[in-house]
C-alpha atoms as a PDB file:
ATOM      1  CA  UNK A   1      44.583  10.036-107.308  1.00  0.00           C
ATOM      2  CA  UNK A   2      46.352   8.724-104.021  1.00  0.00           C
ATOM      3  CA  UNK A   3      49.598   7.466-103.998  1.00  0.00           C
ATOM      4  CA  UNK A   4      49.466   3.709-103.413  1.00  0.00           C
ATOM      5  CA  UNK A   5      53.078   3.585-101.856  1.00  0.00           C
ATOM      6  CA  UNK A   6      53.387   6.873 -99.941  1.00  0.00           C
ATOM      7  CA  UNK A   7      56.685   8.202 -99.139  1.00  0.00           C
ATOM      8  CA  UNK A   8      58.356   7.944 -95.481  1.00  0.00           C
ATOM      9  CA  UNK A   9      59.576  11.165 -94.399  1.00  0.00           C
ATOM     10  CA  UNK A  10      63.565  10.925 -93.646  1.00  0.00           C
ATOM     11  CA  UNK A  11      64.892  10.915 -90.271  1.00  0.00           C
ATOM     12  CA  UNK A  12      66.054  13.825 -88.718  1.00  0.00           C
ATOM     13  CA  UNK A  13      69.963  13.797 -89.041  1.00  0.00           C
ATOM     14  CA  UNK A  14      70.137  15.372 -85.784  1.00  0.00           C
ATOM     15  CA  UNK A  15      68.590  12.547 -84.023  1.00  0.00           C
ATOM     16  CA  UNK A  16      70.807  10.103 -82.319  1.00  0.00           C
ATOM     17  CA  UNK A  17      70.431   6.314 -83.122  1.00  0.00           C
ATOM     18  CA  UNK A  18      70.504   3.522 -80.634  1.00  0.00           C
ATOM     19  CA  UNK A  19      70.662  -0.025 -81.400  1.00  0.00           C
ATOM     20  CA  UNK A  20      68.811  -2.096 -79.091  1.00  0.00           C
ATOM     21  CA  UNK A  21      66.855  -5.544 -79.528  1.00  0.00           C
ATOM     22  CA  UNK A  22      64.425  -4.791 -76.883  1.00  0.00           C
ATOM     23  CA  UNK A  23      63.454  -1.008 -76.743  1.00  0.00           C
ATOM     24  CA  UNK A  24      62.493  -0.544 -73.185  1.00  0.00           C
ATOM     25  CA  UNK A  25      64.722  -3.563 -71.432  1.00  0.00           C
ATOM     26  CA  UNK A  26      66.850  -2.368 -68.657  1.00  0.00           C
ATOM     27  CA  UNK A  27      70.375  -2.687 -69.366  1.00  0.00           C
ATOM     28  CA  UNK A  28      72.330  -5.709 -68.365  1.00  0.00           C
ATOM     29  CA  UNK A  29      74.137  -5.794 -64.663  1.00  0.00           C
ATOM     30  CA  UNK A  30      77.872  -6.163 -64.742  1.00  0.00           C
ATOM     31  CA  UNK A  31      78.893  -9.661 -64.620  1.00  0.00           C
ATOM     32  CA  UNK A  32      80.396 -10.923 -61.139  1.00  0.00           C
ATOM     33  CA  UNK A  33      83.590 -13.031 -61.300  1.00  0.00           C
ATOM     34  CA  UNK A  34      82.974 -16.676 -60.602  1.00  0.00           C
ATOM     35  CA  UNK A  35      84.313 -17.377 -56.962  1.00  0.00           C
ATOM     36  CA  UNK A  36      83.443 -21.337 -56.867  1.00  0.00           C
ATOM     37  CA  UNK A  37      86.515 -22.275 -58.191  1.00  0.00           C
ATOM     38  CA  UNK A  38      88.578 -20.757 -55.166  1.00  0.00           C
ATOM     39  CA  UNK A  39      86.058 -22.254 -52.704  1.00  0.00           C
ATOM     40  CA  UNK A  40      87.046 -25.552 -54.589  1.00  0.00           C
ATOM     41  CA  UNK A  41      90.931 -24.835 -53.927  1.00  0.00           C
ATOM     42  CA  UNK A  42      90.251 -23.811 -50.460  1.00  0.00           C
ATOM     43  CA  UNK A  43      88.685 -27.024 -49.634  1.00  0.00           C
ATOM     44  CA  UNK A  44      91.044 -28.946 -51.268  1.00  0.00           C
ATOM     45  CA  UNK A  45      93.861 -27.419 -49.334  1.00  0.00           C
ATOM     46  CA  UNK A  46      91.816 -27.673 -45.997  1.00  0.00           C
ATOM     47  CA  UNK A  47      91.374 -31.573 -46.864  1.00  0.00           C
ATOM     48  CA  UNK A  48      95.246 -32.145 -47.458  1.00  0.00           C
ATOM     49  CA  UNK A  49      96.051 -30.236 -44.187  1.00  0.00           C
ATOM     50  CA  UNK A  50      93.670 -32.330 -42.312  1.00  0.00           C
ATOM     51  CA  UNK A  51      94.903 -35.401 -43.996  1.00  0.00           C
ATOM     52  CA  UNK A  52      98.322 -34.765 -42.993  1.00  0.00           C
ATOM     53  CA  UNK A  53      97.369 -34.155 -39.495  1.00  0.00           C
ATOM     54  CA  UNK A  54      95.416 -37.192 -39.130  1.00  0.00           C
ATOM     55  CA  UNK A  55      98.401 -38.991 -40.630  1.00  0.00           C
ATOM     56  CA  UNK A  56     100.714 -37.517 -38.145  1.00  0.00           C
ATOM     57  CA  UNK A  57      98.215 -38.521 -35.357  1.00  0.00           C
ATOM     58  CA  UNK A  58      98.071 -41.791 -36.372  1.00  0.00           C
ATOM     59  CA  UNK A  59     101.782 -42.187 -36.541  1.00  0.00           C
ATOM     60  CA  UNK A  60     102.337 -40.611 -33.068  1.00  0.00           C
ATOM     61  CA  UNK A  61      99.865 -42.631 -31.296  1.00  0.00           C
ATOM     62  CA  UNK A  62     101.503 -45.850 -33.017  1.00  0.00           C
ATOM     63  CA  UNK A  63     104.822 -44.741 -31.466  1.00  0.00           C
ATOM     64  CA  UNK A  64     103.749 -43.795 -28.113  1.00  0.00           C
ATOM     65  CA  UNK A  65     101.514 -47.002 -27.478  1.00  0.00           C
ATOM     66  CA  UNK A  66     104.504 -49.045 -28.838  1.00  0.00           C
ATOM     67  CA  UNK A  67     106.898 -47.344 -26.641  1.00  0.00           C
ATOM     68  CA  UNK A  68     104.461 -47.903 -23.433  1.00  0.00           C
ATOM     69  CA  UNK A  69     103.841 -51.518 -24.112  1.00  0.00           C
ATOM     70  CA  UNK A  70     107.618 -52.202 -24.447  1.00  0.00           C
ATOM     71  CA  UNK A  71     108.341 -50.373 -21.187  1.00  0.00           C
ATOM     72  CA  UNK A  72     105.709 -52.594 -19.510  1.00  0.00           C
ATOM     73  CA  UNK A  73     106.907 -55.750 -20.983  1.00  0.00           C
ATOM     74  CA  UNK A  74     110.564 -54.928 -19.720  1.00  0.00           C
ATOM     75  CA  UNK A  75     109.908 -53.710 -16.391  1.00  0.00           C
ATOM     76  CA  UNK A  76     106.951 -56.101 -15.360  1.00  0.00           C
ATOM     77  CA  UNK A  77     109.025 -59.295 -16.990  1.00  0.00           C
ATOM     78  CA  UNK A  78     105.811 -60.115 -19.039  1.00  0.00           C
ATOM     79  CA  UNK A  79     105.868 -62.299 -22.017  1.00  0.00           C
ATOM     80  CA  UNK A  80     106.845 -60.794 -25.270  1.00  0.00           C
ATOM     81  CA  UNK A  81     103.527 -61.782 -26.758  1.00  0.00           C
ATOM     82  CA  UNK A  82     101.410 -60.407 -23.466  1.00  0.00           C
ATOM     83  CA  UNK A  83      98.150 -58.687 -24.663  1.00  0.00           C
ATOM     84  CA  UNK A  84      98.320 -55.178 -23.143  1.00  0.00           C
ATOM     85  CA  UNK A  85      95.396 -52.770 -24.185  1.00  0.00           C
ATOM     86  CA  UNK A  86      96.327 -49.026 -24.178  1.00  0.00           C
ATOM     87  CA  UNK A  87      93.622 -46.307 -24.338  1.00  0.00           C
ATOM     88  CA  UNK A  88      94.773 -42.626 -24.925  1.00  0.00           C
ATOM     89  CA  UNK A  89      91.551 -40.585 -25.326  1.00  0.00           C
ATOM     90  CA  UNK A  90      91.544 -37.354 -27.510  1.00  0.00           C
ATOM     91  CA  UNK A  91      94.046 -36.370 -30.201  1.00  0.00           C
ATOM     92  CA  UNK A  92      97.713 -37.330 -29.013  1.00  0.00           C
ATOM     93  CA  UNK A  93      99.764 -34.751 -30.887  1.00  0.00           C
ATOM     94  CA  UNK A  94      98.335 -31.710 -28.745  1.00  0.00           C
ATOM     95  CA  UNK A  95      99.125 -33.822 -25.703  1.00  0.00           C
ATOM     96  CA  UNK A  96     102.720 -34.498 -27.014  1.00  0.00           C
ATOM     97  CA  UNK A  97     103.127 -30.708 -27.600  1.00  0.00           C
ATOM     98  CA  UNK A  98     102.022 -29.907 -24.068  1.00  0.00           C
ATOM     99  CA  UNK A  99     104.557 -32.624 -22.829  1.00  0.00           C
ATOM    100  CA  UNK A 100     101.677 -34.486 -20.809  1.00  0.00           C
ATOM    101  CA  UNK A 101      99.326 -37.124 -21.551  1.00  0.00           C
ATOM    102  CA  UNK A 102      95.843 -35.877 -20.262  1.00  0.00           C
ATOM    103  CA  UNK A 103      94.539 -39.361 -19.513  1.00  0.00           C
ATOM    104  CA  UNK A 104      95.846 -42.910 -19.793  1.00  0.00           C
ATOM    105  CA  UNK A 105      94.241 -46.622 -19.310  1.00  0.00           C
ATOM    106  CA  UNK A 106      96.383 -49.485 -19.600  1.00  0.00           C
ATOM    107  CA  UNK A 107      94.716 -53.122 -19.033  1.00  0.00           C
ATOM    108  CA  UNK A 108      96.156 -56.642 -19.276  1.00  0.00           C
ATOM    109  CA  UNK A 109      95.135 -60.119 -18.172  1.00  0.00           C
ATOM    110  CA  UNK A 110      97.049 -62.708 -16.015  1.00  0.00           C
ATOM    111  CA  UNK A 111      99.843 -60.109 -15.040  1.00  0.00           C
ATOM    112  CA  UNK A 112     102.211 -61.723 -12.556  1.00  0.00           C
ATOM    113  CA  UNK A 113     103.016 -59.957  -9.441  1.00  0.00           C
ATOM    114  CA  UNK A 114     105.055 -61.201  -6.297  1.00  0.00           C
ATOM    115  CA  UNK A 115     103.900 -64.841  -6.811  1.00  0.00           C
ATOM    116  CA  UNK A 116     100.531 -63.934  -7.768  1.00  0.00           C
ATOM    117  CA  UNK A 117      98.586 -62.855 -11.009  1.00  0.00           C
ATOM    118  CA  UNK A 118      95.538 -61.256 -11.596  1.00  0.00           C
ATOM    119  CA  UNK A 119      93.748 -58.960 -14.414  1.00  0.00           C
ATOM    120  CA  UNK A 120      95.286 -55.409 -14.016  1.00  0.00           C
ATOM    121  CA  UNK A 121      93.701 -51.937 -15.139  1.00  0.00           C
ATOM    122  CA  UNK A 122      96.022 -48.858 -14.636  1.00  0.00           C
ATOM    123  CA  UNK A 123      94.462 -45.299 -14.776  1.00  0.00           C
ATOM    124  CA  UNK A 124      96.448 -42.102 -14.821  1.00  0.00           C
ATOM    125  CA  UNK A 125      96.168 -38.462 -15.623  1.00  0.00           C
ATOM    126  CA  UNK A 126      98.579 -35.635 -16.258  1.00  0.00           C
ATOM    127  CA  UNK A 127     101.289 -37.841 -16.997  1.00  0.00           C
ATOM    128  CA  UNK A 128     104.716 -36.306 -17.907  1.00  0.00           C
ATOM    129  CA  UNK A 129     105.949 -37.749 -21.118  1.00  0.00           C
ATOM    130  CA  UNK A 130     109.536 -37.550 -20.142  1.00  0.00           C
ATOM    131  CA  UNK A 131     108.802 -39.098 -16.704  1.00  0.00           C
ATOM    132  CA  UNK A 132     110.632 -36.213 -15.012  1.00  0.00           C
ATOM    133  CA  UNK A 133     107.620 -34.885 -12.581  1.00  0.00           C
ATOM    134  CA  UNK A 134     104.936 -36.783 -10.699  1.00  0.00           C
ATOM    135  CA  UNK A 135     101.737 -37.504 -12.400  1.00  0.00           C
ATOM    136  CA  UNK A 136      98.488 -35.794 -11.342  1.00  0.00           C
ATOM    137  CA  UNK A 137      96.556 -38.869 -10.249  1.00  0.00           C
ATOM    138  CA  UNK A 138      96.434 -42.535 -10.662  1.00  0.00           C
ATOM    139  CA  UNK A 139      94.418 -45.409  -9.548  1.00  0.00           C
ATOM    140  CA  UNK A 140      94.508 -49.216 -10.317  1.00  0.00           C
ATOM    141  CA  UNK A 141      92.164 -52.177 -10.088  1.00  0.00           C
ATOM    142  CA  UNK A 142      93.506 -55.817  -9.621  1.00  0.00           C
ATOM    143  CA  UNK A 143      90.835 -58.648 -10.028  1.00  0.00           C
ATOM    144  CA  UNK A 144      91.764 -62.071  -8.553  1.00  0.00           C
ATOM    145  CA  UNK A 145      90.079 -65.349  -9.131  1.00  0.00           C
ATOM    146  CA  UNK A 146      89.315 -67.853  -6.808  1.00  0.00           C
ATOM    147  CA  UNK A 147      92.468 -69.934  -7.164  1.00  0.00           C
ATOM    148  CA  UNK A 148      94.445 -66.457  -6.587  1.00  0.00           C
ATOM    149  CA  UNK A 149      92.838 -65.679  -3.599  1.00  0.00           C
ATOM    150  CA  UNK A 150      93.614 -69.152  -1.989  1.00  0.00           C
ATOM    151  CA  UNK A 151      97.458 -68.237  -3.068  1.00  0.00           C
ATOM    152  CA  UNK A 152      97.303 -65.013  -1.470  1.00  0.00           C
ATOM    153  CA  UNK A 153      95.534 -66.298   1.867  1.00  0.00           C
ATOM    154  CA  UNK A 154      98.126 -69.191   2.119  1.00  0.00           C
ATOM    155  CA  UNK A 155     100.505 -66.792   3.473  1.00  0.00           C
ATOM    156  CA  UNK A 156      98.066 -65.898   6.534  1.00  0.00           C
ATOM    157  CA  UNK A 157      99.247 -68.040   9.416  1.00  0.00           C
ATOM    158  CA  UNK A 158      96.306 -70.762  10.660  1.00  0.00           C
ATOM    159  CA  UNK A 159      93.970 -69.552   7.824  1.00  0.00           C
ATOM    160  CA  UNK A 160      92.393 -72.653   6.156  1.00  0.00           C
ATOM    161  CA  UNK A 161      93.001 -71.242   2.639  1.00  0.00           C
ATOM    162  CA  UNK A 162      92.626 -74.729   0.799  1.00  0.00           C
ATOM    163  CA  UNK A 163      88.719 -74.438   1.762  1.00  0.00           C
ATOM    164  CA  UNK A 164      88.003 -70.880   0.341  1.00  0.00           C
ATOM    165  CA  UNK A 165      85.198 -70.262  -1.987  1.00  0.00           C
ATOM    166  CA  UNK A 166      83.804 -66.913  -3.136  1.00  0.00           C
ATOM    167  CA  UNK A 167      80.420 -66.115  -3.134  1.00  0.00           C
ATOM    168  CA  UNK A 168      79.322 -62.429  -3.503  1.00  0.00           C
ATOM    169  CA  UNK A 169      79.382 -60.541  -1.267  1.00  0.00           C
ATOM    170  CA  UNK A 170      81.847 -62.974   0.885  1.00  0.00           C
ATOM    171  CA  UNK A 171      84.699 -64.900   1.199  1.00  0.00           C
ATOM    172  CA  UNK A 172      83.744 -68.225   2.534  1.00  0.00           C
ATOM    173  CA  UNK A 173      86.059 -70.643   4.254  1.00  0.00           C
ATOM    174  CA  UNK A 174      85.382 -73.657   6.408  1.00  0.00           C
ATOM    175  CA  UNK A 175      87.399 -74.058   9.835  1.00  0.00           C
ATOM    176  CA  UNK A 176      87.215 -77.048  11.972  1.00  0.00           C
ATOM    177  CA  UNK A 177      86.655 -76.890  15.897  1.00  0.00           C
ATOM    178  CA  UNK A 178      87.340 -79.656  18.376  1.00  0.00           C
ATOM    179  CA  UNK A 179      84.492 -80.484  20.598  1.00  0.00           C
ATOM    180  CA  UNK A 180      85.721 -83.439  23.235  1.00  0.00           C
ATOM    181  CA  UNK A 181      86.334 -86.168  20.541  1.00  0.00           C
ATOM    182  CA  UNK A 182      84.319 -84.520  17.758  1.00  0.00           C
ATOM    183  CA  UNK A 183      85.600 -82.694  15.032  1.00  0.00           C
ATOM    184  CA  UNK A 184      82.913 -79.967  13.975  1.00  0.00           C
ATOM    185  CA  UNK A 185      83.250 -77.909  10.541  1.00  0.00           C
ATOM    186  CA  UNK A 186      81.996 -74.376  10.839  1.00  0.00           C
ATOM    187  CA  UNK A 187      81.185 -72.402   7.838  1.00  0.00           C
ATOM    188  CA  UNK A 188      82.279 -68.796   7.971  1.00  0.00           C
ATOM    189  CA  UNK A 189      81.341 -65.938   5.593  1.00  0.00           C
ATOM    190  CA  UNK A 190      84.001 -63.048   5.820  1.00  0.00           C
ATOM    191  CA  UNK A 191      83.448 -59.503   4.398  1.00  0.00           C
ATOM    192  CA  UNK A 192      86.397 -58.007   2.783  1.00  0.00           C
ATOM    193  CA  UNK A 193      87.556 -54.372   3.602  1.00  0.00           C
ATOM    194  CA  UNK A 194      90.629 -52.172   3.453  1.00  0.00           C
ATOM    195  CA  UNK A 195      92.370 -50.741   6.637  1.00  0.00           C
ATOM    196  CA  UNK A 196      95.500 -48.789   6.501  1.00  0.00           C
ATOM    197  CA  UNK A 197      96.457 -50.534   2.865  1.00  0.00           C
ATOM    198  CA  UNK A 198      95.834 -54.080   4.038  1.00  0.00           C
ATOM    199  CA  UNK A 199      93.241 -56.380   3.286  1.00  0.00           C
ATOM    200  CA  UNK A 200      91.063 -57.323   6.320  1.00  0.00           C
ATOM    201  CA  UNK A 201      88.557 -60.212   6.588  1.00  0.00           C
ATOM    202  CA  UNK A 202      85.628 -59.828   8.921  1.00  0.00           C
ATOM    203  CA  UNK A 203      83.394 -62.569  10.036  1.00  0.00           C
ATOM    204  CA  UNK A 204      79.850 -62.005   8.997  1.00  0.00           C
ATOM    205  CA  UNK A 205      77.834 -65.089   9.590  1.00  0.00           C
ATOM    206  CA  UNK A 206      78.790 -68.642  10.940  1.00  0.00           C
ATOM    207  CA  UNK A 207      77.201 -72.049  10.188  1.00  0.00           C
ATOM    208  CA  UNK A 208      77.046 -75.377  12.034  1.00  0.00           C
ATOM    209  CA  UNK A 209      75.346 -78.169  10.303  1.00  0.00           C
ATOM    210  CA  UNK A 210      73.769 -75.907   7.980  1.00  0.00           C
ATOM    211  CA  UNK A 211      72.345 -73.842  10.664  1.00  0.00           C
ATOM    212  CA  UNK A 212      73.401 -70.285  11.068  1.00  0.00           C
ATOM    213  CA  UNK A 213      74.832 -69.543  14.742  1.00  0.00           C
ATOM    214  CA  UNK A 214      75.875 -66.300  16.306  1.00  0.00           C
ATOM    215  CA  UNK A 215      79.521 -65.333  17.263  1.00  0.00           C
ATOM    216  CA  UNK A 216      78.372 -65.620  20.950  1.00  0.00           C
ATOM    217  CA  UNK A 217      76.714 -68.742  20.624  1.00  0.00           C
ATOM    218  CA  UNK A 218      79.934 -70.337  19.116  1.00  0.00           C
ATOM    219  CA  UNK A 219      81.986 -69.202  21.772  1.00  0.00           C
ATOM    220  CA  UNK A 220      79.512 -70.427  24.262  1.00  0.00           C
ATOM    221  CA  UNK A 221      79.388 -73.868  22.865  1.00  0.00           C
ATOM    222  CA  UNK A 222      82.964 -74.400  21.962  1.00  0.00           C
ATOM    223  CA  UNK A 223      84.978 -72.177  24.505  1.00  0.00           C
ATOM    224  CA  UNK A 224      87.989 -70.279  23.738  1.00  0.00           C
ATOM    225  CA  UNK A 225      88.981 -72.487  20.849  1.00  0.00           C
ATOM    226  CA  UNK A 226      86.226 -70.659  19.113  1.00  0.00           C
ATOM    227  CA  UNK A 227      88.134 -67.392  19.108  1.00  0.00           C
ATOM    228  CA  UNK A 228      90.296 -68.679  16.581  1.00  0.00           C
ATOM    229  CA  UNK A 229      87.817 -68.069  14.119  1.00  0.00           C
ATOM    230  CA  UNK A 230      85.617 -65.391  15.808  1.00  0.00           C
ATOM    231  CA  UNK A 231      88.032 -62.879  14.789  1.00  0.00           C
ATOM    232  CA  UNK A 232      89.203 -60.492  11.955  1.00  0.00           C
ATOM    233  CA  UNK A 233      91.986 -61.797   9.662  1.00  0.00           C
ATOM    234  CA  UNK A 234      94.518 -59.058   8.561  1.00  0.00           C
ATOM    235  CA  UNK A 235      96.107 -60.051   5.249  1.00  0.00           C
ATOM    236  CA  UNK A 236      99.362 -57.801   4.534  1.00  0.00           C
ATOM    237  CA  UNK A 237      99.352 -57.368   0.660  1.00  0.00           C
ATOM    238  CA  UNK A 238     102.294 -54.932   0.575  1.00  0.00           C
ATOM    239  CA  UNK A 239     105.007 -57.389  -0.566  1.00  0.00           C
ATOM    240  CA  UNK A 240     103.111 -58.028  -3.642  1.00  0.00           C
ATOM    241  CA  UNK A 241     102.732 -54.604  -4.833  1.00  0.00           C
ATOM    242  CA  UNK A 242     104.768 -51.349  -5.297  1.00  0.00           C
ATOM    243  CA  UNK A 243     104.863 -49.110  -2.218  1.00  0.00           C
ATOM    244  CA  UNK A 244     103.384 -46.505  -4.510  1.00  0.00           C
ATOM    245  CA  UNK A 245      99.907 -48.402  -4.383  1.00  0.00           C
ATOM    246  CA  UNK A 246      97.913 -48.355  -1.345  1.00  0.00           C
ATOM    247  CA  UNK A 247      94.547 -50.407  -1.218  1.00  0.00           C
ATOM    248  CA  UNK A 248      91.393 -48.319  -0.813  1.00  0.00           C
ATOM    249  CA  UNK A 249      88.345 -50.663  -1.442  1.00  0.00           C
ATOM    250  CA  UNK A 250      87.953 -54.402  -1.926  1.00  0.00           C
ATOM    251  CA  UNK A 251      85.013 -56.399  -2.617  1.00  0.00           C
ATOM    252  CA  UNK A 252      83.635 -59.989  -4.061  1.00  0.00           C
ATOM    253  CA  UNK A 253      81.946 -59.497  -7.282  1.00  0.00           C
ATOM    254  CA  UNK A 254      80.434 -62.930  -8.418  1.00  0.00           C
ATOM    255  CA  UNK A 255      83.290 -65.327  -8.068  1.00  0.00           C
ATOM    256  CA  UNK A 256      86.213 -62.884  -8.161  1.00  0.00           C
ATOM    257  CA  UNK A 257      87.868 -60.401  -5.707  1.00  0.00           C
ATOM    258  CA  UNK A 258      87.903 -56.899  -7.098  1.00  0.00           C
ATOM    259  CA  UNK A 259      90.523 -54.448  -5.498  1.00  0.00           C
ATOM    260  CA  UNK A 260      91.031 -50.894  -5.998  1.00  0.00           C
ATOM    261  CA  UNK A 261      94.291 -48.772  -5.310  1.00  0.00           C
ATOM    262  CA  UNK A 262      95.174 -45.290  -5.076  1.00  0.00           C
ATOM    263  CA  UNK A 263      98.542 -44.785  -6.962  1.00  0.00           C
ATOM    264  CA  UNK A 264     100.992 -41.789  -5.846  1.00  0.00           C
ATOM    265  CA  UNK A 265     101.624 -39.846  -8.476  1.00  0.00           C
ATOM    266  CA  UNK A 266     105.322 -39.382  -7.362  1.00  0.00           C
ATOM    267  CA  UNK A 267     105.942 -43.192  -8.273  1.00  0.00           C
ATOM    268  CA  UNK A 268     107.028 -41.957 -11.758  1.00  0.00           C
ATOM    269  CA  UNK A 269     110.049 -40.283 -10.059  1.00  0.00           C
ATOM    270  CA  UNK A 270     110.710 -41.986  -6.830  1.00  0.00           C
ATOM    271  CA  UNK A 271     112.398 -45.368  -7.083  1.00  0.00           C
ATOM    272  CA  UNK A 272     111.254 -46.310  -3.348  1.00  0.00           C
ATOM    273  CA  UNK A 273     107.696 -46.318  -4.366  1.00  0.00           C
ATOM    274  CA  UNK A 274     108.585 -48.306  -7.359  1.00  0.00           C
ATOM    275  CA  UNK A 275     109.728 -51.108  -5.140  1.00  0.00           C
ATOM    276  CA  UNK A 276     107.563 -53.863  -3.519  1.00  0.00           C
ATOM    277  CA  UNK A 277     106.431 -52.971   0.108  1.00  0.00           C
ATOM    278  CA  UNK A 278     107.410 -55.271   2.894  1.00  0.00           C
ATOM    279  CA  UNK A 279     105.225 -57.207   5.985  1.00  0.00           C
ATOM    280  CA  UNK A 280     106.109 -56.720   9.404  1.00  0.00           C
END
């Protein structure tokens, strides 16, 4: 007679018991510590440092620009509300630490100088912050409208400045020549240029009764009196500007005269270069 519930053999007491949910499953890898909280903390600190830097940059830039503006208003006798645009490219804190501004551009409209006024843009590189050494380089652009050009040319003896108009690329004037009992108006187109720091106006074309005429034909027709206009006109501008500025190029653009100047970097430290020049 067979046993309905056979008896299972007892386990060998010498066998080692192992508790496992999955017999054959590999042992778990050791848990790595989570590092993302440290990354978050690092980013937070970096953000704070960057914020402090940019806050310092903003404050320093404001102080420098305000100081430059105050100096310009004081030394140029500008109105307190004069609009002055100041551009200092790149971050300013490293430049302050080095003691020099790498580059600076200052611009303003209707700046008075020596009885004239015009729009002025000044550029400089390697500018010492304490003003105790020359700048590396400098340049300026002065733009005059038609009225200011007339005022400038009024200082030239014999020049009919009240007839001047601007028509790119020339300064145009009208002179009157006497032919017996007749007074003949002659239109003269003058090309501006720079020579030894002065403005020079050179006749390019002549017009009589709306017809273009050559210089030789004009002299032949009017005689020696025509030589009063068949000539270059030298315009000294030294009396209007600091001696440290030298006219390099000049041209008519639209209905304005645009003049470029080289600036002697020593103008920062040399009082003589800061004073207006003189005309002989």
